[in-house]
C-alpha atoms as a PDB file:
ATOM      1  CA  MET A   1       7.921 -13.330  31.480  1.00  0.00           C
ATOM      2  CA  LYS A   2       9.381 -11.874  28.343  1.00  0.00           C
ATOM      3  CA  LEU A   3       6.417 -12.363  26.100  1.00  0.00           C
ATOM      4  CA  ASN A   4       4.248 -10.199  28.548  1.00  0.00           C
ATOM      5  CA  LYS A   5       7.085  -7.387  28.084  1.00  0.00           C
ATOM      6  CA  GLU A   6       6.630  -7.552  24.614  1.00  0.00           C
ATOM      7  CA  LYS A   7       3.027  -7.161  24.827  1.00  0.00           C
ATOM      8  CA  LYS A   8       3.105  -4.038  27.002  1.00  0.00           C
ATOM      9  CA  ILE A   9       5.591  -2.396  24.737  1.00  0.00           C
ATOM     10  CA  TYR A  10       3.190  -3.425  21.564  1.00  0.00           C
ATOM     11  CA  TRP A  11       0.376  -1.856  23.412  1.00  0.00           C
ATOM     12  CA  LEU A  12       2.165   1.440  24.268  1.00  0.00           C
ATOM     13  CA  ILE A  13       3.222   1.998  20.732  1.00  0.00           C
ATOM     14  CA  LEU A  14      -0.618   1.503  19.585  1.00  0.00           C
ATOM     15  CA  GLY A  15      -1.915   3.797  22.262  1.00  0.00           C
ATOM     16  CA  LEU A  16       0.095   6.509  21.022  1.00  0.00           C
ATOM     17  CA  ALA A  17      -1.111   5.808  17.343  1.00  0.00           C
ATOM     18  CA  LEU A  18      -4.510   5.840  19.146  1.00  0.00           C
ATOM     19  CA  LEU A  19      -4.167   9.330  20.200  1.00  0.00           C
ATOM     20  CA  MET A  20      -3.927  10.617  16.741  1.00  0.00           C
ATOM     21  CA  PRO A  21      -6.776  11.645  14.308  1.00  0.00           C
ATOM     22  CA  SER A  22      -8.345   8.819  12.380  1.00  0.00           C
ATOM     23  CA  TYR A  23      -8.928  10.455   9.041  1.00  0.00           C
ATOM     24  CA  LEU A  24      -6.903   9.947   6.005  1.00  0.00           C
ATOM     25  CA  HIS A  25      -7.292  12.601   3.456  1.00  0.00           C
ATOM     26  CA  SER A  26      -5.581  12.952  -0.075  1.00  0.00           C
ATOM     27  CA  GLN A  27      -3.402   9.995   0.166  1.00  0.00           C
ATOM     28  CA  GLN A  28      -0.800   9.357  -2.695  1.00  0.00           C
ATOM     29  CA  ILE A  29       0.384   6.304  -1.905  1.00  0.00           C
ATOM     30  CA  PRO A  30      -1.309   3.013  -2.686  1.00  0.00           C
ATOM     31  CA  LEU A  31      -3.055   0.933  -0.158  1.00  0.00           C
ATOM     32  CA  TYR A  32      -2.175  -2.623   1.058  1.00  0.00           C
ATOM     33  CA  SER A  33      -4.228  -4.945   3.333  1.00  0.00           C
ATOM     34  CA  GLN A  34      -1.945  -7.361   3.574  1.00  0.00           C
ATOM     35  CA  TYR A  35       0.966  -5.519   4.623  1.00  0.00           C
ATOM     36  CA  THR A  36       1.835  -8.204   7.627  1.00  0.00           C
ATOM     37  CA  PHE A  37       3.362  -9.859   4.849  1.00  0.00           C
ATOM     38  CA  ASN A  38       5.483  -7.877   2.619  1.00  0.00           C
ATOM     39  CA  GLY A  39       6.299  -4.976   5.243  1.00  0.00           C
ATOM     40  CA  PHE A  40       9.330  -4.261   2.545  1.00  0.00           C
ATOM     41  CA  LEU A  41       6.509  -2.078   0.362  1.00  0.00           C
ATOM     42  CA  ILE A  42       6.230   0.677   2.974  1.00  0.00           C
ATOM     43  CA  ASN A  43       9.560   0.226   5.244  1.00  0.00           C
ATOM     44  CA  PRO A  44      12.702  -0.176   3.121  1.00  0.00           C
ATOM     45  CA  ALA A  45      14.718  -1.417   6.658  1.00  0.00           C
ATOM     46  CA  ILE A  46      12.722  -4.807   5.885  1.00  0.00           C
ATOM     47  CA  ALA A  47      14.882  -5.649   3.271  1.00  0.00           C
ATOM     48  CA  GLY A  48      16.518  -9.079   3.905  1.00  0.00           C
ATOM     49  CA  SER A  49      15.305  -8.896   7.414  1.00  0.00           C
ATOM     50  CA  GLU A  50      14.274 -12.537   7.387  1.00  0.00           C
ATOM     51  CA  GLY A  51      17.297 -13.612   5.415  1.00  0.00           C
ATOM     52  CA  TYR A  52      15.542 -15.400   3.051  1.00  0.00           C
ATOM     53  CA  THR A  53      15.322 -14.534  -0.637  1.00  0.00           C
ATOM     54  CA  ALA A  54      11.681 -13.534  -1.174  1.00  0.00           C
ATOM     55  CA  LEU A  55       9.581 -12.779  -4.264  1.00  0.00           C
ATOM     56  CA  ASN A  56       5.857 -11.525  -3.748  1.00  0.00           C
ATOM     57  CA  LEU A  57       3.230 -10.176  -6.243  1.00  0.00           C
ATOM     58  CA  THR A  58       0.372  -8.598  -5.053  1.00  0.00           C
ATOM     59  CA  ALA A  59      -2.687  -7.300  -7.115  1.00  0.00           C
ATOM     60  CA  ARG A  60      -5.270  -5.101  -5.360  1.00  0.00           C
ATOM     61  CA  GLU A  61      -8.897  -3.664  -7.235  1.00  0.00           C
ATOM     62  CA  GLN A  62     -10.749  -1.379  -4.915  1.00  0.00           C
ATOM     63  CA  TRP A  63     -14.574  -0.732  -5.438  1.00  0.00           C
ATOM     64  CA  LEU A  64     -14.814  -3.285  -8.047  1.00  0.00           C
ATOM     65  CA  GLY A  65     -17.766  -2.535 -10.293  1.00  0.00           C
ATOM     66  CA  ILE A  66     -17.210   1.459 -10.289  1.00  0.00           C
ATOM     67  CA  PRO A  67     -15.792   2.821 -13.658  1.00  0.00           C
ATOM     68  CA  ASN A  68     -11.916   3.686 -13.099  1.00  0.00           C
ATOM     69  CA  SER A  69     -11.969   2.314  -9.363  1.00  0.00           C
ATOM     70  CA  PRO A  70      -8.161   2.355  -8.088  1.00  0.00           C
ATOM     71  CA  LYS A  71      -6.293  -0.630  -8.942  1.00  0.00           C
ATOM     72  CA  THR A  72      -2.572  -1.619  -7.679  1.00  0.00           C
ATOM     73  CA  HIS A  73      -0.381  -4.068  -8.925  1.00  0.00           C
ATOM     74  CA  ALA A  74       3.211  -4.488  -7.402  1.00  0.00           C
ATOM     75  CA  VAL A  75       5.977  -6.791  -7.913  1.00  0.00           C
ATOM     76  CA  SER A  76       8.724  -6.817  -5.188  1.00  0.00           C
ATOM     77  CA  ILE A  77      11.886  -9.141  -4.436  1.00  0.00           C
ATOM     78  CA  GLN A  78      14.240  -8.850  -1.570  1.00  0.00           C
ATOM     79  CA  THR A  79      17.419 -10.819  -0.230  1.00  0.00           C
ATOM     80  CA  ARG A  80      20.063 -11.255   2.295  1.00  0.00           C
ATOM     81  CA  MET A  81      23.698 -10.913   1.015  1.00  0.00           C
ATOM     82  CA  LEU A  82      25.940 -13.598   2.428  1.00  0.00           C
ATOM     83  CA  ARG A  83      29.548 -13.062   2.821  1.00  0.00           C
ATOM     84  CA  ASP A  84      32.148 -15.022   0.983  1.00  0.00           C
ATOM     85  CA  SER A  85      34.715 -14.951   3.564  1.00  0.00           C
ATOM     86  CA  TYR A  86      36.206 -17.857   5.621  1.00  0.00           C
ATOM     87  CA  ILE A  87      36.510 -18.478   8.783  1.00  0.00           C
ATOM     88  CA  GLY A  88      39.357 -20.882  10.104  1.00  0.00           C
ATOM     89  CA  ARG A  89      38.380 -23.941  12.537  1.00  0.00           C
ATOM     90  CA  SER A  90      40.514 -26.379  14.326  1.00  0.00           C
ATOM     91  CA  LEU A  91      39.960 -30.142  13.854  1.00  0.00           C
ATOM     92  CA  LYS A  92      41.457 -33.595  15.084  1.00  0.00           C
ATOM     93  CA  ILE A  93      42.534 -34.500  12.017  1.00  0.00           C
ATOM     94  CA  LYS A  94      43.850 -31.387  10.061  1.00  0.00           C
ATOM     95  CA  LYS A  95      45.114 -28.649  12.264  1.00  0.00           C
ATOM     96  CA  ARG A  96      42.994 -25.931  10.115  1.00  0.00           C
ATOM     97  CA  MET A  97      40.362 -26.115   7.928  1.00  0.00           C
ATOM     98  CA  GLN A  98      38.713 -23.144   5.784  1.00  0.00           C
ATOM     99  CA  ILE A  99      34.783 -23.276   6.201  1.00  0.00           C
ATOM    100  CA  ALA A 100      32.620 -20.701   4.328  1.00  0.00           C
ATOM    101  CA  SER A 101      31.108 -17.783   6.403  1.00  0.00           C
ATOM    102  CA  ARG A 102      26.930 -17.854   6.249  1.00  0.00           C
ATOM    103  CA  SER A 103      27.111 -14.645   7.709  1.00  0.00           C
ATOM    104  CA  GLY A 104      25.943 -11.240   6.058  1.00  0.00           C
ATOM    105  CA  ARG A 105      24.674  -7.800   7.400  1.00  0.00           C
ATOM    106  CA  VAL A 106      23.490  -6.536   3.916  1.00  0.00           C
ATOM    107  CA  GLY A 107      20.107  -6.641   2.378  1.00  0.00           C
ATOM    108  CA  LEU A 108      19.102  -5.598  -0.808  1.00  0.00           C
ATOM    109  CA  GLY A 109      15.512  -5.152  -2.556  1.00  0.00           C
ATOM    110  CA  GLY A 110      13.637  -3.698  -5.332  1.00  0.00           C
ATOM    111  CA  TYR A 111       9.989  -3.355  -6.650  1.00  0.00           C
ATOM    112  CA  VAL A 112       7.878  -2.143  -9.282  1.00  0.00           C
ATOM    113  CA  TYR A 113       4.059  -1.217  -9.077  1.00  0.00           C
ATOM    114  CA  ASN A 114       1.576   0.108 -11.160  1.00  0.00           C
ATOM    115  CA  ASP A 115      -1.324   2.275  -9.317  1.00  0.00           C
ATOM    116  CA  MET A 116      -4.292   3.509 -11.195  1.00  0.00           C
ATOM    117  CA  SER A 117      -6.636   6.073  -9.425  1.00  0.00           C
ATOM    118  CA  GLY A 118      -9.038   7.753 -11.791  1.00  0.00           C
ATOM    119  CA  LEU A 119      -7.729   9.895 -14.226  1.00  0.00           C
ATOM    120  CA  ILE A 120      -4.146   9.489 -12.606  1.00  0.00           C
ATOM    121  CA  ILE A 121      -1.781   6.515 -13.141  1.00  0.00           C
ATOM    122  CA  ARG A 122       1.637   6.350 -11.063  1.00  0.00           C
ATOM    123  CA  THR A 123       4.052   3.893 -12.031  1.00  0.00           C
ATOM    124  CA  GLY A 124       7.028   3.643  -9.315  1.00  0.00           C
ATOM    125  CA  PHE A 125      10.548   1.830  -9.301  1.00  0.00           C
ATOM    126  CA  GLN A 126      12.486   1.291  -6.171  1.00  0.00           C
ATOM    127  CA  LEU A 127      16.148   0.045  -5.206  1.00  0.00           C
ATOM    128  CA  THR A 128      16.576  -0.644  -1.746  1.00  0.00           C
ATOM    129  CA  TYR A 129      19.765  -1.163   0.549  1.00  0.00           C
ATOM    130  CA  GLY A 130      19.031  -2.559   4.267  1.00  0.00           C
ATOM    131  CA  TYR A 131      21.580  -3.029   6.807  1.00  0.00           C
ATOM    132  CA  HIS A 132      21.293  -5.517   9.965  1.00  0.00           C
ATOM    133  CA  ILE A 133      22.292  -5.399  13.452  1.00  0.00           C
ATOM    134  CA  ARG A 134      22.491  -8.619  15.205  1.00  0.00           C
ATOM    135  CA  MET A 135      21.901  -8.277  18.910  1.00  0.00           C
ATOM    136  CA  LYS A 136      21.865 -10.990  21.509  1.00  0.00           C
ATOM    137  CA  GLU A 137      18.380 -12.034  20.864  1.00  0.00           C
ATOM    138  CA  SER A 138      16.746  -9.459  18.299  1.00  0.00           C
ATOM    139  CA  GLN A 139      17.860  -7.399  15.227  1.00  0.00           C
ATOM    140  CA  LEU A 140      17.746  -4.205  14.225  1.00  0.00           C
ATOM    141  CA  SER A 141      17.782  -2.820  10.679  1.00  0.00           C
ATOM    142  CA  LEU A 142      18.369   0.447   8.899  1.00  0.00           C
ATOM    143  CA  GLY A 143      17.248   0.672   5.264  1.00  0.00           C
ATOM    144  CA  VAL A 144      17.004   3.603   2.605  1.00  0.00           C
ATOM    145  CA  SER A 145      15.849   3.456  -1.020  1.00  0.00           C
ATOM    146  CA  VAL A 146      15.816   5.580  -4.097  1.00  0.00           C
ATOM    147  CA  ASN A 147      12.548   5.730  -5.781  1.00  0.00           C
ATOM    148  CA  ALA A 148      11.665   7.119  -9.463  1.00  0.00           C
ATOM    149  CA  TYR A 149       7.900   7.481 -10.286  1.00  0.00           C
ATOM    150  CA  GLU A 150       6.343   8.314 -13.775  1.00  0.00           C
ATOM    151  CA  PHE A 151       2.913  10.158 -13.282  1.00  0.00           C
ATOM    152  CA  ARG A 152       0.722  10.323 -16.395  1.00  0.00           C
ATOM    153  CA  ILE A 153      -3.163  11.163 -17.148  1.00  0.00           C
ATOM    154  CA  ASN A 154      -5.230   8.494 -18.742  1.00  0.00           C
ATOM    155  CA  ARG A 155      -6.440  10.516 -21.731  1.00  0.00           C
ATOM    156  CA  GLN A 156      -8.971   7.594 -22.562  1.00  0.00           C
ATOM    157  CA  ALA A 157     -10.878   8.665 -19.589  1.00  0.00           C
ATOM    158  CA  ILE A 158     -11.292  12.150 -20.123  1.00  0.00           C
ATOM    159  CA  VAL A 159     -14.266  13.417 -21.509  1.00  0.00           C
ATOM    160  CA  THR A 160     -14.659  16.752 -22.758  1.00  0.00           C
ATOM    161  CA  GLY A 161     -17.306  16.966 -25.305  1.00  0.00           C
ATOM    162  CA  GLU A 162     -14.928  17.871 -28.162  1.00  0.00           C
ATOM    163  CA  GLU A 163     -12.779  15.719 -30.170  1.00  0.00           C
ATOM    164  CA  ASP A 164      -9.848  18.028 -30.546  1.00  0.00           C
ATOM    165  CA  ASP A 165     -10.231  19.929 -27.299  1.00  0.00           C
ATOM    166  CA  PRO A 166      -7.104  22.445 -27.745  1.00  0.00           C
ATOM    167  CA  LEU A 167      -6.518  22.014 -23.643  1.00  0.00           C
ATOM    168  CA  ILE A 168      -6.166  18.510 -24.099  1.00  0.00           C
ATOM    169  CA  LEU A 169      -3.825  18.313 -27.313  1.00  0.00           C
ATOM    170  CA  GLU A 170      -1.800  21.332 -25.452  1.00  0.00           C
ATOM    171  CA  THR A 171      -1.431  19.762 -22.159  1.00  0.00           C
ATOM    172  CA  LYS A 172       1.803  17.401 -21.403  1.00  0.00           C
ATOM    173  CA  PHE A 173       0.143  14.360 -19.637  1.00  0.00           C
ATOM    174  CA  ASN A 174       3.375  12.639 -18.016  1.00  0.00           C
ATOM    175  CA  THR A 175       6.003  13.627 -15.651  1.00  0.00           C
ATOM    176  CA  PHE A 176       9.182  11.743 -14.200  1.00  0.00           C
ATOM    177  CA  VAL A 177      10.431  12.771 -10.469  1.00  0.00           C
ATOM    178  CA  PRO A 178      12.828  10.659  -8.417  1.00  0.00           C
ATOM    179  CA  ASP A 179      12.336  10.431  -4.447  1.00  0.00           C
ATOM    180  CA  ALA A 180      13.784   8.548  -1.693  1.00  0.00           C
ATOM    181  CA  ASN A 181      12.623   6.537   1.566  1.00  0.00           C
ATOM    182  CA  PHE A 182      14.076   5.830   4.832  1.00  0.00           C
ATOM    183  CA  GLY A 183      13.185   3.283   7.487  1.00  0.00           C
ATOM    184  CA  VAL A 184      14.021   1.603  10.800  1.00  0.00           C
ATOM    185  CA  TYR A 185      13.253  -1.882  12.071  1.00  0.00           C
ATOM    186  CA  TYR A 186      13.310  -3.902  14.954  1.00  0.00           C
ATOM    187  CA  VAL A 187      12.352  -7.518  15.630  1.00  0.00           C
ATOM    188  CA  ASN A 188      12.892 -10.837  18.039  1.00  0.00           C
ATOM    189  CA  LYS A 189      11.158 -13.987  18.535  1.00  0.00           C
ATOM    190  CA  TYR A 190       7.878 -12.457  19.692  1.00  0.00           C
ATOM    191  CA  PHE A 191       7.982  -8.997  18.612  1.00  0.00           C
ATOM    192  CA  TYR A 192       8.561  -6.790  15.651  1.00  0.00           C
ATOM    193  CA  ALA A 193       8.378  -2.795  15.118  1.00  0.00           C
ATOM    194  CA  GLY A 194       9.136  -0.536  12.198  1.00  0.00           C
ATOM    195  CA  ALA A 195       8.708   3.367  11.346  1.00  0.00           C
ATOM    196  CA  SER A 196       9.676   4.862   7.886  1.00  0.00           C
ATOM    197  CA  VAL A 197       9.183   8.014   5.863  1.00  0.00           C
ATOM    198  CA  SER A 198       8.380   7.890   2.274  1.00  0.00           C
ATOM    199  CA  ASP A 199       8.891  10.723  -0.354  1.00  0.00           C
ATOM    200  CA  MET A 200      11.614  12.773   2.121  1.00  0.00           C
ATOM    201  CA  MET A 201      12.774  15.192  -0.894  1.00  0.00           C
ATOM    202  CA  GLN A 202       8.788  16.044  -1.650  1.00  0.00           C
ATOM    203  CA  ALA A 203       9.718  16.048  -5.522  1.00  0.00           C
ATOM    204  CA  ALA A 204       7.677  18.179  -7.845  1.00  0.00           C
ATOM    205  CA  LEU A 205       4.975  17.363 -10.220  1.00  0.00           C
ATOM    206  CA  LYS A 206       4.705  19.784 -13.129  1.00  0.00           C
ATOM    207  CA  LEU A 207       2.004  18.962 -15.918  1.00  0.00           C
ATOM    208  CA  SER A 208       2.697  21.799 -18.735  1.00  0.00           C
ATOM    209  CA  GLY A 209      -0.024  23.199 -21.236  1.00  0.00           C
ATOM    210  CA  PRO A 210      -1.521  26.721 -21.455  1.00  0.00           C
ATOM    211  CA  ALA A 211      -0.941  27.131 -17.799  1.00  0.00           C
ATOM    212  CA  THR A 212       1.958  25.150 -15.928  1.00  0.00           C
ATOM    213  CA  THR A 213       0.258  23.253 -12.664  1.00  0.00           C
ATOM    214  CA  GLN A 214       2.993  22.220 -10.187  1.00  0.00           C
ATOM    215  CA  TYR A 215       2.086  19.921  -7.067  1.00  0.00           C
ATOM    216  CA  LYS A 216       4.324  18.570  -4.960  1.00  0.00           C
ATOM    217  CA  LEU A 217       4.691  14.769  -3.436  1.00  0.00           C
ATOM    218  CA  MET A 218       3.750  14.827   0.167  1.00  0.00           C
ATOM    219  CA  ARG A 219       5.763  12.993   2.905  1.00  0.00           C
ATOM    220  CA  HIS A 220       4.178  10.137   4.388  1.00  0.00           C
ATOM    221  CA  TYR A 221       5.160   8.763   7.571  1.00  0.00           C
ATOM    222  CA  PHE A 222       4.404   4.606   9.254  1.00  0.00           C
ATOM    223  CA  LEU A 223       4.405   3.178  12.169  1.00  0.00           C
ATOM    224  CA  MET A 224       3.893  -0.569  12.399  1.00  0.00           C
ATOM    225  CA  ALA A 225       4.269  -3.184  15.207  1.00  0.00           C
ATOM    226  CA  GLY A 226       2.675  -6.469  15.954  1.00  0.00           C
ATOM    227  CA  TYR A 227       3.895  -9.554  18.365  1.00  0.00           C
ATOM    228  CA  LYS A 228       3.148 -13.276  17.632  1.00  0.00           C
ATOM    229  CA  ALA A 229       1.974 -15.118  20.769  1.00  0.00           C
ATOM    230  CA  PRO A 230       1.027 -19.031  21.229  1.00  0.00           C
ATOM    231  CA  VAL A 231      -2.619 -19.299  22.545  1.00  0.00           C
ATOM    232  CA  ALA A 232      -3.093 -23.270  22.343  1.00  0.00           C
ATOM    233  CA  ASP A 233      -1.458 -26.056  20.828  1.00  0.00           C
ATOM    234  CA  ASN A 234      -0.739 -25.386  17.157  1.00  0.00           C
ATOM    235  CA  PHE A 235      -2.231 -21.836  17.122  1.00  0.00           C
ATOM    236  CA  THR A 236      -0.802 -18.578  17.243  1.00  0.00           C
ATOM    237  CA  LEU A 237      -2.446 -15.295  17.659  1.00  0.00           C
ATOM    238  CA  GLU A 238      -0.871 -11.795  15.851  1.00  0.00           C
ATOM    239  CA  PRO A 239      -2.438  -8.953  16.740  1.00  0.00           C
ATOM    240  CA  SER A 240      -0.996  -5.719  14.665  1.00  0.00           C
ATOM    241  CA  PHE A 241      -1.532  -2.208  13.256  1.00  0.00           C
ATOM    242  CA  LEU A 242      -0.219   0.243  10.624  1.00  0.00           C
ATOM    243  CA  LEU A 243      -0.225   3.770  11.224  1.00  0.00           C
ATOM    244  CA  LYS A 244      -0.309   6.174   7.997  1.00  0.00           C
ATOM    245  CA  ALA A 245       0.011   9.885   8.218  1.00  0.00           C
ATOM    246  CA  SER A 246       0.619  12.339   5.700  1.00  0.00           C
ATOM    247  CA  GLN A 247       2.277  15.676   5.675  1.00  0.00           C
ATOM    248  CA  ASN A 248      -0.720  17.165   5.439  1.00  0.00           C
ATOM    249  CA  GLY A 249      -1.919  16.107   9.084  1.00  0.00           C
ATOM    250  CA  ALA A 250      -4.154  13.042   7.629  1.00  0.00           C
ATOM    251  CA  VAL A 251      -3.809  10.056   9.627  1.00  0.00           C
ATOM    252  CA  GLN A 252      -5.595   6.407   8.902  1.00  0.00           C
ATOM    253  CA  LEU A 253      -5.109   3.677  11.051  1.00  0.00           C
ATOM    254  CA  ASP A 254      -5.362  -0.590  10.361  1.00  0.00           C
ATOM    255  CA  ILE A 255      -5.757  -2.487  13.500  1.00  0.00           C
ATOM    256  CA  GLY A 256      -6.540  -5.996  13.630  1.00  0.00           C
ATOM    257  CA  SER A 257      -5.206  -9.703  14.008  1.00  0.00           C
ATOM    258  CA  LYS A 258      -4.919 -12.847  12.454  1.00  0.00           C
ATOM    259  CA  VAL A 259      -4.771 -16.561  13.812  1.00  0.00           C
ATOM    260  CA  TYR A 260      -2.340 -18.985  12.644  1.00  0.00           C
ATOM    261  CA  TYR A 261      -2.920 -22.723  12.663  1.00  0.00           C
ATOM    262  CA  LYS A 262       0.365 -25.160  12.592  1.00  0.00           C
ATOM    263  CA  GLU A 263       2.219 -21.700  10.544  1.00  0.00           C
ATOM    264  CA  ASP A 264       0.315 -23.057   7.553  1.00  0.00           C
ATOM    265  CA  TYR A 265      -3.228 -21.568   7.524  1.00  0.00           C
ATOM    266  CA  TRP A 266      -4.442 -18.038   8.884  1.00  0.00           C
ATOM    267  CA  ALA A 267      -7.427 -16.027   8.986  1.00  0.00           C
ATOM    268  CA  GLY A 268      -7.927 -12.342  10.354  1.00  0.00           C
ATOM    269  CA  MET A 269      -9.949  -9.515  10.607  1.00  0.00           C
ATOM    270  CA  ALA A 270      -8.658  -5.275  10.542  1.00  0.00           C
ATOM    271  CA  TYR A 271     -10.505  -2.167  10.994  1.00  0.00           C
ATOM    272  CA  ARG A 272      -9.160   0.781   9.118  1.00  0.00           C
ATOM    273  CA  THR A 273     -10.313   4.038  10.597  1.00  0.00           C
ATOM    274  CA  GLY A 274     -13.201   5.704   8.737  1.00  0.00           C
ATOM    275  CA  ASN A 275     -13.044   3.304   5.955  1.00  0.00           C
ATOM    276  CA  ALA A 276     -13.281  -0.355   5.961  1.00  0.00           C
ATOM    277  CA  LEU A 277     -13.468  -3.894   7.812  1.00  0.00           C
ATOM    278  CA  ILE A 278     -10.943  -6.001   6.150  1.00  0.00           C
ATOM    279  CA  PHE A 279     -11.214  -9.989   6.053  1.00  0.00           C
ATOM    280  CA  MET A 280      -8.064 -12.206   5.483  1.00  0.00           C
ATOM    281  CA  LEU A 281      -7.866 -15.376   4.334  1.00  0.00           C
ATOM    282  CA  GLY A 282      -4.196 -17.423   3.770  1.00  0.00           C
ATOM    283  CA  MET A 283      -2.198 -20.733   3.276  1.00  0.00           C
ATOM    284  CA  LYS A 284       1.378 -21.557   2.921  1.00  0.00           C
ATOM    285  CA  VAL A 285       2.512 -24.748   1.003  1.00  0.00           C
ATOM    286  CA  ASP A 286       5.929 -25.437   0.823  1.00  0.00           C
ATOM    287  CA  LYS A 287       7.779 -22.397   0.279  1.00  0.00           C
ATOM    288  CA  TYR A 288       4.748 -20.753  -1.411  1.00  0.00           C
ATOM    289  CA  TYR A 289       2.347 -18.282   0.075  1.00  0.00           C
ATOM    290  CA  PHE A 290      -1.022 -17.741  -0.824  1.00  0.00           C
ATOM    291  CA  GLY A 291      -3.031 -14.356   0.624  1.00  0.00           C
ATOM    292  CA  TYR A 292      -6.447 -12.745  -0.116  1.00  0.00           C
ATOM    293  CA  ALA A 293      -8.110  -9.987   1.652  1.00  0.00           C
ATOM    294  CA  PHE A 294     -11.510  -8.268   1.217  1.00  0.00           C
ATOM    295  CA  ASP A 295     -12.280  -4.560   2.059  1.00  0.00           C
ATOM    296  CA  TYR A 296     -15.836  -3.959   3.194  1.00  0.00           C
ATOM    297  CA  SER A 297     -16.311  -0.202   3.103  1.00  0.00           C
ATOM    298  CA  LEU A 298     -18.015   1.262   5.694  1.00  0.00           C
ATOM    299  CA  SER A 299     -19.088   4.615   3.554  1.00  0.00           C
ATOM    300  CA  HIS A 300     -22.291   4.831   1.155  1.00  0.00           C
ATOM    301  CA  ILE A 301     -20.259   3.704  -1.797  1.00  0.00           C
ATOM    302  CA  MET A 302     -20.138  -0.086  -0.936  1.00  0.00           C
ATOM    303  CA  SER A 303     -24.149  -0.012  -2.135  1.00  0.00           C
ATOM    304  CA  ARG A 304     -22.756   0.638  -5.586  1.00  0.00           C
ATOM    305  CA  THR A 305     -19.793  -1.820  -5.446  1.00  0.00           C
ATOM    306  CA  PHE A 306     -18.615  -5.605  -5.118  1.00  0.00           C
ATOM    307  CA  GLY A 307     -15.976  -4.293  -2.330  1.00  0.00           C
ATOM    308  CA  THR A 308     -12.096  -4.466  -2.603  1.00  0.00           C
ATOM    309  CA  HIS A 309     -10.218  -7.247  -3.171  1.00  0.00           C
ATOM    310  CA  GLU A 310      -6.284  -8.232  -2.726  1.00  0.00           C
ATOM    311  CA  PHE A 311      -4.660 -11.154  -3.660  1.00  0.00           C
ATOM    312  CA  MET A 312      -1.103 -11.830  -2.666  1.00  0.00           C
ATOM    313  CA  VAL A 313       1.167 -14.669  -4.331  1.00  0.00           C
ATOM    314  CA  ALA A 314       4.820 -15.200  -2.472  1.00  0.00           C
ATOM    315  CA  ALA A 315       7.813 -17.482  -2.604  1.00  0.00           C
ATOM    316  CA  LYS A 316      10.377 -17.569  -0.336  1.00  0.00           C
ATOM    317  CA  PHE A 317      13.903 -19.074  -0.921  1.00  0.00           C
ATOM    318  CA  GLY A 318      17.052 -20.413   1.289  1.00  0.00           C
ATOM    319  CA  ASP A 319      17.839 -22.078   4.284  1.00  0.00           C
ATOM    320  CA  ASN A 320      18.184 -21.238   7.920  1.00  0.00           C
ATOM    321  CA  ALA A 321      21.995 -20.345   7.509  1.00  0.00           C
ATOM    322  CA  ARG A 322      20.440 -17.111   5.972  1.00  0.00           C
ATOM    323  CA  ARG A 323      18.867 -15.833   8.762  1.00  0.00           C
ATOM    324  CA  TYR A 324      19.004 -16.357  12.828  1.00  0.00           C
ATOM    325  CA  ARG A 325      17.354 -19.468  14.055  1.00  0.00           C
ATOM    326  CA  TRP A 326      15.384 -17.569  16.720  1.00  0.00           C
ATOM    327  CA  LEU A 327      14.055 -15.049  14.122  1.00  0.00           C
ATOM    328  CA  ASN A 328      11.371 -17.984  13.053  1.00  0.00           C
ATOM    329  CA  ARG A 329       8.880 -15.290  11.191  1.00  0.00           C
ATOM    330  CA  PHE A 330       7.268 -16.405   8.121  1.00  0.00           C
END
């Protein structure tokens, strides 16, 4: 059975992920718990892969109740470009008629995010190009993005004891760097998998002052996979995982599952290695999607916070002509 084959592939990829270490240290990128609903944020190949024009807004506040705790806000848009060419078709009444072609292989996207973690504020911009190759009953996508980051230090959060501290006055508190990402993504009716790398150029960050300090962005690698399987009337199960690895050898794994009812409501749970349990709820109303995730920290910090909260609002526009009919992913 074809579905069993997809399950075997999924568990094979997951098994490889579990062989890697489960601790992530000094990650320079934002975390997202609801990655399955907007994988475009971590893999540029997903831009336009569904065929829809999709707008997504995400807001995440980590460790609510702790001053200067991490906060992330992101807005993204992606679409599939349709070709304006025409195809000829023979008709009984007229010999030939030119009919607009609805095919298209190019996906475009972009997003902006603001990520604050302690004293560091990072604002990122990304423009993405995706190319989608249709196969018999599946699709293979490639994507590349160009990024620009602004890193700055939150002066208001610095406490020195001196109002006019010369170290503060003489230090450059912001820097601007370019970089690039690359990804590949495969999807069919039941199964999806993708791999991507961010910050390929490892751009240098320079904060100048009495002594110039230079840091480098680390490359980050992502591997994600999942499959959707009907388990009962109106119910679908979707196990999935996301493996994140940084260049310094640190690794983190999100593994979990969601249950959908009539494709309009869902609930799920996931485990983030060494970090948190994640609980998810969501619903679809017409073309609009609403999702919420609560991260329960497994460390001692949970006793001093109200947890981590992530909200997602999305809208998808377009008709079935923009995508392959078998690719009924929402």
